[in-house]
Amino acid sequence: TLFPCTTLFRSGSKRTIGLYIMGGLTGALFFVLGYNFIPVFAQENAALNSTVVGASAAVMAIIVATATLLPDYTMVLMLFGPVKLKWLVIAFVILDFLLIAGSNAGGELSHLGGALFGFIYIKQLQRGNDWVAFFTKMFSRQPKLKVASKNAAKNGGNVPRQEDIDRILDKISQSGYDSLSRQEKEILFRASKDNEG
């Protein structure tokens, strides 16, 4: 559906926070998996001298999500002029992929993980699946507590309690039937129906 996508960045700041956090976690997962399962890194024990630091994977998730959501959005770059967002992001992803062979391979793996999450997240959101709904709920205001009355009058078809009936009858004997509230009259009406049954 189109609605959740159009509200992702305008009214969905909580959703953006969730995307940011999940993009960072996915980037960290790519880092760990890459250094443990890609033979070049696993054989050299490269993970011993590497650390996951920074938020670039999370930022990459938001950038790719934005480009997936609005691929034809045009930005004016100082040296290149107007460029569609999709081409700019594709260039970033290709650059990250090529730089895996460089000195910051872990960082590039993390960027790719964040980018992949951002892309898949928007595609799932367009199908109506919000993968970060947990964060949206977590950061939303909780409704104020409402006090529920145990009064029998509010319990639809329940049998009125004898204490309530006695109190109402005492009130009638002191002040008359017209002094009863609408709620008290309903309790008496239900009590009379129950006695008929």
Protein backbone atom coordinates (compact mmCIF):
# COMPACT_ATOMS: atom_id res chain seq x y z
CA THR A 1 0.00 0.00 0.00
CA LEU A 2 1.12 3.54 -0.68
CA PHE A 3 0.04 5.15 2.60
CA PRO A 4 2.68 3.73 4.99
CA CYS A 5 5.42 4.58 2.50
CA THR A 6 4.41 8.21 2.11
CA THR A 7 4.34 8.63 5.88
CA LEU A 8 7.72 6.97 6.49
CA PHE A 9 9.73 10.17 6.79
CA ARG A 10 7.07 12.87 7.14
CA SER A 11 5.06 11.64 10.11
CA GLY A 12 6.97 8.46 10.89
CA SER A 13 9.96 9.72 12.85
CA LYS A 14 9.58 6.74 15.21
CA ARG A 15 9.64 4.44 12.19
CA THR A 16 12.85 6.15 11.04
CA ILE A 17 14.43 5.48 14.44
CA GLY A 18 13.51 1.81 14.09
CA LEU A 19 14.98 1.71 10.60
CA TYR A 20 18.16 3.36 11.90
CA ILE A 21 18.57 0.84 14.74
CA MET A 22 17.78 -2.20 12.61
CA GLY A 23 20.06 -0.96 9.82
CA GLY A 24 22.92 -0.68 12.30
CA LEU A 25 22.26 -4.14 13.70
CA THR A 26 22.09 -5.65 10.22
CA GLY A 27 25.39 -3.96 9.37
CA ALA A 28 26.97 -5.47 12.48
CA LEU A 29 25.57 -8.88 11.52
CA PHE A 30 27.14 -8.58 8.05
CA PHE A 31 30.46 -7.68 9.68
CA VAL A 32 30.40 -10.76 11.91
CA LEU A 33 29.24 -13.10 9.15
CA GLY A 34 31.76 -11.70 6.65
CA TYR A 35 34.73 -12.11 8.96
CA ASN A 36 33.68 -15.64 9.90
CA PHE A 37 32.50 -17.09 6.60
CA ILE A 38 34.25 -15.25 3.75
CA PRO A 39 37.39 -17.37 3.28
CA VAL A 40 39.81 -14.45 2.72
CA PHE A 41 38.95 -12.88 6.07
CA ALA A 42 38.47 -16.10 8.02
CA GLN A 43 41.87 -17.54 7.01
CA GLU A 44 43.79 -14.41 7.91
CA ASN A 45 42.01 -14.03 11.28
CA ALA A 46 41.24 -10.48 10.21
CA ALA A 47 38.49 -10.21 12.82
CA LEU A 48 41.11 -10.18 15.59
CA ASN A 49 42.30 -6.75 14.48
CA SER A 50 38.91 -5.31 13.46
CA THR A 51 36.16 -3.53 15.34
CA VAL A 52 32.65 -2.39 14.52
CA VAL A 53 32.48 1.31 15.34
CA GLY A 54 30.19 4.07 14.15
CA ALA A 55 26.75 4.46 12.70
CA SER A 56 27.52 4.39 8.99
CA ALA A 57 25.56 1.16 8.39
CA ALA A 58 22.49 2.72 10.05
CA VAL A 59 22.86 5.87 7.96
CA MET A 60 23.28 3.73 4.83
CA ALA A 61 20.01 1.94 5.65
CA ILE A 62 18.16 5.27 5.76
CA ILE A 63 19.82 6.53 2.55
CA VAL A 64 18.97 3.36 0.61
CA ALA A 65 15.45 3.26 2.06
CA THR A 66 14.90 6.85 0.91
CA ALA A 67 16.22 6.06 -2.57
CA THR A 68 14.02 2.97 -2.77
CA LEU A 69 11.01 5.00 -1.69
CA LEU A 70 11.75 8.03 -3.90
CA PRO A 71 14.11 6.81 -6.65
CA ASP A 72 13.48 9.73 -9.02
CA TYR A 73 13.97 12.45 -6.42
CA THR A 74 16.53 14.83 -7.91
CA MET A 75 19.40 16.41 -6.01
CA VAL A 76 21.63 19.14 -7.37
CA LEU A 77 25.30 18.31 -6.77
CA MET A 78 27.88 21.06 -7.03
CA LEU A 79 30.14 19.42 -9.66
CA PHE A 80 27.63 17.15 -11.38
CA GLY A 81 24.40 19.15 -11.48
CA PRO A 82 21.02 17.43 -11.04
CA VAL A 83 21.30 13.72 -10.20
CA LYS A 84 18.50 11.31 -9.39
CA LEU A 85 18.78 9.82 -5.93
CA LYS A 86 18.75 6.24 -7.22
CA TRP A 87 21.94 6.79 -9.28
CA LEU A 88 23.72 8.42 -6.37
CA VAL A 89 22.87 5.54 -4.01
CA ILE A 90 23.78 2.90 -6.60
CA ALA A 91 27.18 4.59 -6.92
CA PHE A 92 27.65 4.46 -3.12
CA VAL A 93 26.73 0.76 -2.99
CA ILE A 94 29.08 -0.13 -5.87
CA LEU A 95 31.88 1.85 -4.22
CA ASP A 96 31.33 0.01 -0.92
CA PHE A 97 31.39 -3.30 -2.74
CA LEU A 98 34.66 -2.49 -4.52
CA LEU A 99 36.32 -1.23 -1.33
CA ILE A 100 35.80 -4.56 0.47
CA ALA A 101 39.31 -5.42 -0.75
CA GLY A 102 40.69 -2.30 0.97
CA SER A 103 41.84 -1.63 4.51
CA ASN A 104 38.33 -1.06 5.92
CA ALA A 105 36.68 -4.24 4.70
CA GLY A 106 34.57 -4.59 7.84
CA GLY A 107 33.17 -1.10 7.44
CA GLU A 108 32.27 -1.76 3.82
CA LEU A 109 30.57 -5.05 4.76
CA SER A 110 28.57 -3.18 7.40
CA HIS A 111 27.53 -0.54 4.85
CA LEU A 112 26.30 -3.24 2.50
CA GLY A 113 24.33 -4.89 5.31
CA GLY A 114 22.64 -1.60 6.22
CA ALA A 115 21.94 -0.88 2.54
CA LEU A 116 20.35 -4.30 2.05
CA PHE A 117 18.13 -3.85 5.09
CA GLY A 118 17.00 -0.39 3.93
CA PHE A 119 16.06 -1.74 0.50
CA ILE A 120 14.23 -4.83 1.77
CA TYR A 121 12.46 -2.82 4.47
CA ILE A 122 10.85 -0.43 1.98
CA LYS A 123 9.87 -3.27 -0.35
CA GLN A 124 8.21 -5.05 2.58
CA LEU A 125 6.56 -1.83 3.77
CA GLN A 126 5.04 -1.37 0.30
CA ARG A 127 3.46 -4.82 0.75
CA GLY A 128 2.08 -3.81 4.15
CA ASN A 129 4.72 -5.50 6.35
CA ASP A 130 6.31 -3.06 8.79
CA TRP A 131 9.47 -4.71 10.12
CA VAL A 132 10.18 -1.93 12.62
CA ALA A 133 6.66 -1.64 14.07
CA PHE A 134 8.08 -2.79 17.41
CA PHE A 135 10.13 0.42 17.66
CA THR A 136 7.17 2.55 16.58
CA LYS A 137 5.15 1.12 19.48
CA MET A 138 8.08 1.35 21.88
CA PHE A 139 8.61 5.07 21.29
CA SER A 140 4.92 6.05 21.14
CA ARG A 141 3.12 7.54 24.10
CA GLN A 142 1.21 5.08 26.18
CA PRO A 143 -2.47 5.95 26.75
CA LYS A 144 -3.41 7.16 30.19
CA LEU A 145 -4.84 4.52 32.49
CA LYS A 146 -8.59 4.36 32.69
CA VAL A 147 -10.29 3.34 35.91
CA ALA A 148 -12.91 0.67 35.35
CA SER A 149 -15.85 0.70 37.69
CA LYS A 150 -17.09 -2.55 39.13
CA ASN A 151 -20.57 -1.13 39.33
CA ALA A 152 -23.10 -3.65 38.09
CA ALA A 153 -24.92 -0.98 36.10
CA LYS A 154 -22.04 -0.78 33.65
CA ASN A 155 -21.86 -4.51 33.10
CA GLY A 156 -24.40 -4.84 30.27
CA GLY A 157 -26.33 -8.05 30.91
CA ASN A 158 -24.92 -8.90 34.36
CA VAL A 159 -27.21 -9.48 37.29
CA PRO A 160 -27.21 -6.47 39.63
CA ARG A 161 -25.68 -7.01 43.04
CA GLN A 162 -28.05 -7.23 46.00
CA GLU A 163 -26.15 -4.43 47.80
CA ASP A 164 -26.83 -2.06 44.89
CA ILE A 165 -30.52 -2.97 44.82
CA ASP A 166 -30.86 -2.44 48.60
CA ARG A 167 -29.11 0.95 48.38
CA ILE A 168 -31.44 2.07 45.57
CA LEU A 169 -34.55 0.91 47.43
CA ASP A 170 -33.42 2.83 50.52
CA LYS A 171 -32.98 5.93 48.37
CA ILE A 172 -36.50 5.52 46.96
CA SER A 173 -37.98 5.23 50.46
CA GLN A 174 -36.18 8.42 51.56
CA SER A 175 -36.38 10.64 48.45
CA GLY A 176 -38.80 8.98 46.03
CA TYR A 177 -38.38 7.28 42.67
CA ASP A 178 -37.74 10.57 40.82
CA SER A 179 -34.52 11.12 42.80
CA LEU A 180 -32.88 8.10 41.14
CA SER A 181 -30.30 8.57 38.45
CA ARG A 182 -30.74 6.98 35.05
CA GLN A 183 -28.10 4.40 35.97
CA GLU A 184 -29.94 3.45 39.16
CA LYS A 185 -33.22 3.09 37.26
CA GLU A 186 -31.48 0.74 34.79
CA ILE A 187 -30.24 -1.40 37.69
CA LEU A 188 -33.77 -1.71 39.06
CA PHE A 189 -35.15 -2.51 35.61
CA ARG A 190 -32.61 -5.31 35.13
CA ALA A 191 -33.27 -6.64 38.63
CA SER A 192 -37.02 -6.81 37.91
CA LYS A 193 -36.36 -8.64 34.63
CA ASP A 194 -34.15 -11.18 36.44
CA ASN A 195 -36.86 -11.77 39.04
CA GLU A 196 -39.44 -12.39 36.31
CA GLY A 197 -37.16 -15.02 34.72
